[in-house]
Amino acid sequence: MAQFTGTTQYYRWFGGLVLTDGAQFLARNGAGWLMDVLASVQSLPAVRAEERQFWTLSVDLEQHSGVVVCTDGGKSGQPERELYRQEIEYTDFPLTEIKLFAFSEAGLGRVVLLPSEY
């Protein structure tokens, strides 16, 4: 995933999300459900209020299960604050972990990107 640096195009996703090239690659290659998770909780007050969201999918490859966590990334030296957590009972996602950022951008909406695209 590190081959994605910056983006050449933005892609609209439901729920007001906008995906970069790397996020779109994930969505088109079996992780559309992960983008759906992000989109589905944007209306929760704690998530919606956060301009910069830090998302992590952690996967137990042996159990084929995982957890999706959103934090505020920590601010001004403060510990990260968890905004949302969802247990995933089954996933065939092939990596043990993937991180995504979701930042509010004026005129675009909530942009989802890989850390290497920041």
N, C-alpha and C. Protein backbone atom coordinates (compact mmCIF):
# COMPACT_ATOMS: atom_id res chain seq x y z
N MET A 1 0.81 -1.19 0.00
CA MET A 1 0.00 0.00 0.00
C MET A 1 0.87 1.27 0.00
N ALA A 2 2.13 1.11 0.33
CA ALA A 2 3.02 2.27 0.40
C ALA A 2 3.27 2.90 -0.96
N GLN A 3 2.89 2.22 -2.04
CA GLN A 3 3.09 2.80 -3.37
C GLN A 3 2.17 3.99 -3.62
N PHE A 4 1.15 4.16 -2.78
CA PHE A 4 0.25 5.29 -2.94
C PHE A 4 0.79 6.48 -2.17
N THR A 5 1.18 7.51 -2.92
CA THR A 5 1.65 8.76 -2.33
C THR A 5 0.90 9.88 -3.01
N GLY A 6 0.22 10.68 -2.23
CA GLY A 6 -0.63 11.70 -2.82
C GLY A 6 -1.79 11.03 -3.54
N THR A 7 -2.53 11.79 -4.30
CA THR A 7 -3.62 11.23 -5.10
C THR A 7 -3.76 12.03 -6.38
N THR A 8 -4.20 11.36 -7.43
CA THR A 8 -4.41 12.05 -8.70
C THR A 8 -5.89 12.35 -8.93
N GLN A 9 -6.74 11.72 -8.11
CA GLN A 9 -8.18 11.84 -8.34
C GLN A 9 -8.92 11.55 -7.04
N TYR A 10 -10.13 12.07 -6.93
CA TYR A 10 -11.00 11.77 -5.80
C TYR A 10 -12.20 11.00 -6.30
N TYR A 11 -12.71 10.10 -5.45
CA TYR A 11 -13.83 9.24 -5.81
C TYR A 11 -14.91 9.39 -4.76
N ARG A 12 -16.12 9.65 -5.18
CA ARG A 12 -17.24 9.78 -4.25
C ARG A 12 -17.67 8.41 -3.73
N TRP A 13 -17.93 8.35 -2.45
CA TRP A 13 -18.45 7.15 -1.80
C TRP A 13 -19.71 7.57 -1.06
N PHE A 14 -20.55 6.63 -0.75
CA PHE A 14 -21.80 7.00 -0.10
C PHE A 14 -21.51 7.59 1.29
N GLY A 15 -22.49 8.29 1.82
CA GLY A 15 -22.35 8.88 3.15
C GLY A 15 -21.49 10.12 3.19
N GLY A 16 -21.21 10.70 2.02
CA GLY A 16 -20.42 11.92 1.99
C GLY A 16 -18.92 11.72 2.02
N LEU A 17 -18.47 10.48 1.96
CA LEU A 17 -17.03 10.25 1.94
C LEU A 17 -16.46 10.48 0.54
N VAL A 18 -15.21 10.88 0.52
CA VAL A 18 -14.46 11.06 -0.71
C VAL A 18 -13.18 10.24 -0.54
N LEU A 19 -12.90 9.34 -1.47
CA LEU A 19 -11.75 8.46 -1.37
C LEU A 19 -10.62 8.92 -2.27
N THR A 20 -9.40 8.77 -1.79
CA THR A 20 -8.21 9.01 -2.61
C THR A 20 -7.93 7.77 -3.43
N ASP A 21 -6.88 7.82 -4.25
CA ASP A 21 -6.51 6.66 -5.06
C ASP A 21 -6.29 5.41 -4.21
N GLY A 22 -5.56 5.54 -3.11
CA GLY A 22 -5.27 4.40 -2.25
C GLY A 22 -6.51 3.84 -1.57
N ALA A 23 -7.35 4.71 -1.04
CA ALA A 23 -8.59 4.28 -0.40
C ALA A 23 -9.51 3.63 -1.43
N GLN A 24 -9.56 4.18 -2.63
CA GLN A 24 -10.38 3.59 -3.70
C GLN A 24 -9.84 2.22 -4.09
N PHE A 25 -8.53 2.06 -4.13
CA PHE A 25 -7.93 0.76 -4.42
C PHE A 25 -8.39 -0.27 -3.39
N LEU A 26 -8.34 0.10 -2.12
CA LEU A 26 -8.82 -0.81 -1.07
C LEU A 26 -10.28 -1.17 -1.29
N ALA A 27 -11.10 -0.16 -1.54
CA ALA A 27 -12.55 -0.38 -1.72
C ALA A 27 -12.83 -1.31 -2.89
N ARG A 28 -12.11 -1.15 -3.96
CA ARG A 28 -12.34 -1.98 -5.17
C ARG A 28 -11.74 -3.38 -5.07
N ASN A 29 -10.89 -3.59 -4.06
CA ASN A 29 -10.22 -4.87 -3.93
C ASN A 29 -10.59 -5.57 -2.62
N GLY A 30 -11.85 -5.55 -2.31
CA GLY A 30 -12.37 -6.34 -1.21
C GLY A 30 -12.60 -5.63 0.11
N ALA A 31 -12.27 -4.35 0.21
CA ALA A 31 -12.46 -3.64 1.48
C ALA A 31 -13.50 -2.53 1.37
N GLY A 32 -14.42 -2.68 0.42
CA GLY A 32 -15.52 -1.72 0.33
C GLY A 32 -16.32 -1.69 1.63
N TRP A 33 -16.43 -2.85 2.27
CA TRP A 33 -17.15 -2.92 3.54
C TRP A 33 -16.51 -2.03 4.60
N LEU A 34 -15.19 -1.88 4.56
CA LEU A 34 -14.50 -1.02 5.52
C LEU A 34 -14.87 0.44 5.30
N MET A 35 -14.94 0.85 4.03
CA MET A 35 -15.38 2.22 3.74
C MET A 35 -16.83 2.41 4.18
N ASP A 36 -17.63 1.36 4.03
CA ASP A 36 -19.03 1.43 4.48
C ASP A 36 -19.11 1.63 5.99
N VAL A 37 -18.22 0.98 6.74
CA VAL A 37 -18.18 1.18 8.19
C VAL A 37 -17.89 2.64 8.50
N LEU A 38 -16.86 3.19 7.85
CA LEU A 38 -16.52 4.60 8.08
C LEU A 38 -17.70 5.50 7.77
N ALA A 39 -18.33 5.27 6.61
CA ALA A 39 -19.45 6.11 6.19
C ALA A 39 -20.64 5.98 7.13
N SER A 40 -20.89 4.77 7.61
CA SER A 40 -22.10 4.53 8.39
C SER A 40 -22.09 5.17 9.77
N VAL A 41 -20.92 5.54 10.28
CA VAL A 41 -20.86 6.12 11.63
C VAL A 41 -20.54 7.61 11.63
N GLN A 42 -20.47 8.22 10.45
CA GLN A 42 -20.15 9.65 10.40
C GLN A 42 -21.22 10.52 11.06
N SER A 43 -22.41 9.98 11.23
CA SER A 43 -23.48 10.77 11.87
C SER A 43 -23.45 10.68 13.39
N LEU A 44 -22.63 9.78 13.95
CA LEU A 44 -22.52 9.72 15.41
C LEU A 44 -21.86 11.00 15.90
N PRO A 45 -22.41 11.62 16.95
CA PRO A 45 -21.90 12.93 17.39
C PRO A 45 -20.39 12.98 17.64
N ALA A 46 -19.83 12.00 18.32
CA ALA A 46 -18.39 12.03 18.62
C ALA A 46 -17.55 11.92 17.37
N VAL A 47 -18.00 11.14 16.40
CA VAL A 47 -17.26 10.96 15.15
C VAL A 47 -17.43 12.18 14.26
N ARG A 48 -18.66 12.63 14.10
CA ARG A 48 -18.94 13.78 13.24
C ARG A 48 -18.20 15.03 13.69
N ALA A 49 -18.06 15.22 14.99
CA ALA A 49 -17.43 16.43 15.52
C ALA A 49 -15.93 16.48 15.30
N GLU A 50 -15.33 15.34 15.02
CA GLU A 50 -13.87 15.28 14.89
C GLU A 50 -13.44 15.57 13.46
N GLU A 51 -12.69 16.64 13.27
CA GLU A 51 -12.23 17.00 11.92
C GLU A 51 -11.20 16.03 11.39
N ARG A 52 -10.39 15.46 12.27
CA ARG A 52 -9.34 14.52 11.87
C ARG A 52 -9.57 13.19 12.60
N GLN A 53 -9.91 12.19 11.81
CA GLN A 53 -10.20 10.86 12.36
C GLN A 53 -9.07 9.91 11.95
N PHE A 54 -8.67 9.06 12.89
CA PHE A 54 -7.61 8.09 12.67
C PHE A 54 -8.21 6.70 12.85
N TRP A 55 -8.29 5.95 11.77
CA TRP A 55 -8.96 4.65 11.75
C TRP A 55 -7.93 3.54 11.65
N THR A 56 -8.17 2.45 12.39
CA THR A 56 -7.32 1.26 12.32
C THR A 56 -8.20 0.02 12.25
N LEU A 57 -7.92 -0.82 11.28
CA LEU A 57 -8.50 -2.15 11.22
C LEU A 57 -7.40 -3.11 11.64
N SER A 58 -7.63 -3.85 12.73
CA SER A 58 -6.70 -4.88 13.19
C SER A 58 -7.36 -6.23 12.97
N VAL A 59 -6.62 -7.16 12.36
CA VAL A 59 -7.19 -8.45 11.97
C VAL A 59 -6.41 -9.59 12.62
N ASP A 60 -7.15 -10.55 13.16
CA ASP A 60 -6.58 -11.82 13.61
C ASP A 60 -6.71 -12.77 12.43
N LEU A 61 -5.62 -13.00 11.71
CA LEU A 61 -5.66 -13.79 10.49
C LEU A 61 -6.05 -15.25 10.72
N GLU A 62 -5.75 -15.77 11.89
CA GLU A 62 -6.12 -17.16 12.19
C GLU A 62 -7.60 -17.30 12.49
N GLN A 63 -8.16 -16.34 13.20
CA GLN A 63 -9.58 -16.39 13.58
C GLN A 63 -10.49 -15.74 12.54
N HIS A 64 -9.89 -15.05 11.55
CA HIS A 64 -10.65 -14.33 10.53
C HIS A 64 -11.62 -13.33 11.15
N SER A 65 -11.16 -12.65 12.19
CA SER A 65 -11.97 -11.65 12.86
C SER A 65 -11.13 -10.39 13.02
N GLY A 66 -11.79 -9.32 13.40
CA GLY A 66 -11.05 -8.07 13.54
C GLY A 66 -11.78 -7.05 14.36
N VAL A 67 -11.19 -5.90 14.44
CA VAL A 67 -11.80 -4.78 15.13
C VAL A 67 -11.43 -3.50 14.38
N VAL A 68 -12.42 -2.64 14.22
CA VAL A 68 -12.23 -1.32 13.60
C VAL A 68 -12.33 -0.29 14.71
N VAL A 69 -11.33 0.57 14.82
CA VAL A 69 -11.30 1.58 15.87
C VAL A 69 -11.02 2.94 15.23
N CYS A 70 -11.75 3.94 15.69
CA CYS A 70 -11.52 5.33 15.28
C CYS A 70 -11.11 6.12 16.51
N THR A 71 -10.04 6.90 16.37
CA THR A 71 -9.60 7.78 17.46
C THR A 71 -9.44 9.20 16.92
N ASP A 72 -9.19 10.11 17.85
CA ASP A 72 -8.92 11.49 17.46
C ASP A 72 -7.44 11.73 17.20
N GLY A 73 -6.62 10.68 17.35
CA GLY A 73 -5.19 10.79 17.07
C GLY A 73 -4.38 11.43 18.18
N GLY A 74 -5.03 11.88 19.23
CA GLY A 74 -4.32 12.59 20.29
C GLY A 74 -4.10 14.04 19.88
N LYS A 75 -4.33 14.92 20.79
CA LYS A 75 -4.20 16.35 20.48
C LYS A 75 -3.34 17.04 21.52
N SER A 76 -2.45 17.88 21.09
CA SER A 76 -1.62 18.69 22.00
C SER A 76 -0.98 17.85 23.09
N GLY A 77 -0.44 16.70 22.70
CA GLY A 77 0.24 15.86 23.67
C GLY A 77 -0.68 15.00 24.53
N GLN A 78 -1.97 15.07 24.29
CA GLN A 78 -2.93 14.27 25.06
C GLN A 78 -2.98 12.85 24.50
N PRO A 79 -3.38 11.88 25.34
CA PRO A 79 -3.56 10.52 24.81
C PRO A 79 -4.69 10.49 23.78
N GLU A 80 -4.61 9.52 22.87
CA GLU A 80 -5.68 9.35 21.90
C GLU A 80 -7.00 9.07 22.62
N ARG A 81 -8.06 9.61 22.07
CA ARG A 81 -9.40 9.37 22.59
C ARG A 81 -10.15 8.50 21.58
N GLU A 82 -10.66 7.37 22.04
CA GLU A 82 -11.41 6.49 21.16
C GLU A 82 -12.79 7.07 20.90
N LEU A 83 -13.14 7.17 19.61
CA LEU A 83 -14.42 7.72 19.21
C LEU A 83 -15.42 6.65 18.83
N TYR A 84 -14.90 5.52 18.33
CA TYR A 84 -15.78 4.45 17.85
C TYR A 84 -15.00 3.15 17.80
N ARG A 85 -15.71 2.04 18.07
CA ARG A 85 -15.12 0.70 17.99
C ARG A 85 -16.19 -0.26 17.49
N GLN A 86 -15.79 -1.12 16.55
CA GLN A 86 -16.70 -2.14 16.05
C GLN A 86 -15.96 -3.45 15.89
N GLU A 87 -16.48 -4.49 16.52
CA GLU A 87 -15.93 -5.83 16.37
C GLU A 87 -16.41 -6.39 15.03
N ILE A 88 -15.52 -7.04 14.32
CA ILE A 88 -15.84 -7.66 13.03
C ILE A 88 -15.76 -9.18 13.25
N GLU A 89 -16.89 -9.84 13.19
CA GLU A 89 -16.93 -11.28 13.48
C GLU A 89 -16.21 -12.10 12.43
N TYR A 90 -16.31 -11.69 11.17
CA TYR A 90 -15.61 -12.42 10.11
C TYR A 90 -15.07 -11.44 9.09
N THR A 91 -13.83 -11.66 8.69
CA THR A 91 -13.25 -10.92 7.58
C THR A 91 -12.19 -11.79 6.91
N ASP A 92 -12.08 -11.64 5.61
CA ASP A 92 -11.00 -12.30 4.89
C ASP A 92 -9.94 -11.28 4.46
N PHE A 93 -9.95 -10.11 5.12
CA PHE A 93 -8.95 -9.09 4.83
C PHE A 93 -7.56 -9.70 5.05
N PRO A 94 -6.64 -9.55 4.09
CA PRO A 94 -5.39 -10.31 4.12
C PRO A 94 -4.26 -9.72 4.98
N LEU A 95 -4.42 -8.52 5.49
CA LEU A 95 -3.36 -7.89 6.29
C LEU A 95 -3.74 -7.90 7.77
N THR A 96 -2.73 -7.90 8.64
CA THR A 96 -3.02 -7.86 10.07
C THR A 96 -3.46 -6.47 10.52
N GLU A 97 -3.11 -5.45 9.74
CA GLU A 97 -3.51 -4.10 10.13
C GLU A 97 -3.49 -3.18 8.92
N ILE A 98 -4.44 -2.27 8.90
CA ILE A 98 -4.43 -1.19 7.92
C ILE A 98 -4.90 0.07 8.64
N LYS A 99 -4.25 1.17 8.34
CA LYS A 99 -4.62 2.46 8.93
C LYS A 99 -5.14 3.37 7.84
N LEU A 100 -6.11 4.18 8.21
CA LEU A 100 -6.69 5.17 7.31
C LEU A 100 -6.86 6.47 8.08
N PHE A 101 -6.76 7.58 7.37
CA PHE A 101 -7.12 8.87 7.92
C PHE A 101 -8.40 9.32 7.24
N ALA A 102 -9.22 10.07 7.95
CA ALA A 102 -10.41 10.68 7.37
C ALA A 102 -10.44 12.12 7.86
N PHE A 103 -10.17 13.05 6.96
CA PHE A 103 -10.06 14.46 7.30
C PHE A 103 -11.14 15.27 6.61
N SER A 104 -11.71 16.22 7.32
CA SER A 104 -12.68 17.13 6.71
C SER A 104 -11.92 18.15 5.88
N GLU A 105 -12.31 18.28 4.62
CA GLU A 105 -11.70 19.24 3.71
C GLU A 105 -12.79 20.14 3.13
N ALA A 106 -12.64 21.42 3.32
CA ALA A 106 -13.63 22.38 2.82
C ALA A 106 -13.82 22.19 1.32
N GLY A 107 -15.06 22.13 0.90
CA GLY A 107 -15.38 22.00 -0.51
C GLY A 107 -15.36 20.57 -1.02
N LEU A 108 -14.80 19.64 -0.27
CA LEU A 108 -14.74 18.24 -0.69
C LEU A 108 -15.62 17.35 0.18
N GLY A 109 -15.53 17.52 1.47
CA GLY A 109 -16.22 16.64 2.41
C GLY A 109 -15.20 15.89 3.24
N ARG A 110 -15.56 14.69 3.66
CA ARG A 110 -14.68 13.86 4.49
C ARG A 110 -13.82 13.01 3.56
N VAL A 111 -12.53 13.32 3.49
CA VAL A 111 -11.60 12.63 2.58
C VAL A 111 -10.93 11.49 3.34
N VAL A 112 -11.02 10.28 2.77
CA VAL A 112 -10.39 9.09 3.36
C VAL A 112 -9.12 8.80 2.57
N LEU A 113 -8.01 8.65 3.29
CA LEU A 113 -6.72 8.43 2.64
C LEU A 113 -5.86 7.48 3.44
N LEU A 114 -4.88 6.90 2.78
CA LEU A 114 -3.87 6.09 3.44
C LEU A 114 -2.83 7.01 4.05
N PRO A 115 -2.18 6.58 5.13
CA PRO A 115 -1.12 7.43 5.72
C PRO A 115 -0.05 7.85 4.71
N SER A 116 0.30 6.98 3.77
CA SER A 116 1.32 7.32 2.77
C SER A 116 0.85 8.39 1.79
N GLU A 117 -0.44 8.65 1.76
CA GLU A 117 -0.97 9.69 0.86
C GLU A 117 -1.07 11.06 1.53
N TYR A 118 -0.76 11.12 2.80
CA TYR A 118 -0.88 12.39 3.54
C TYR A 118 0.19 13.35 3.12
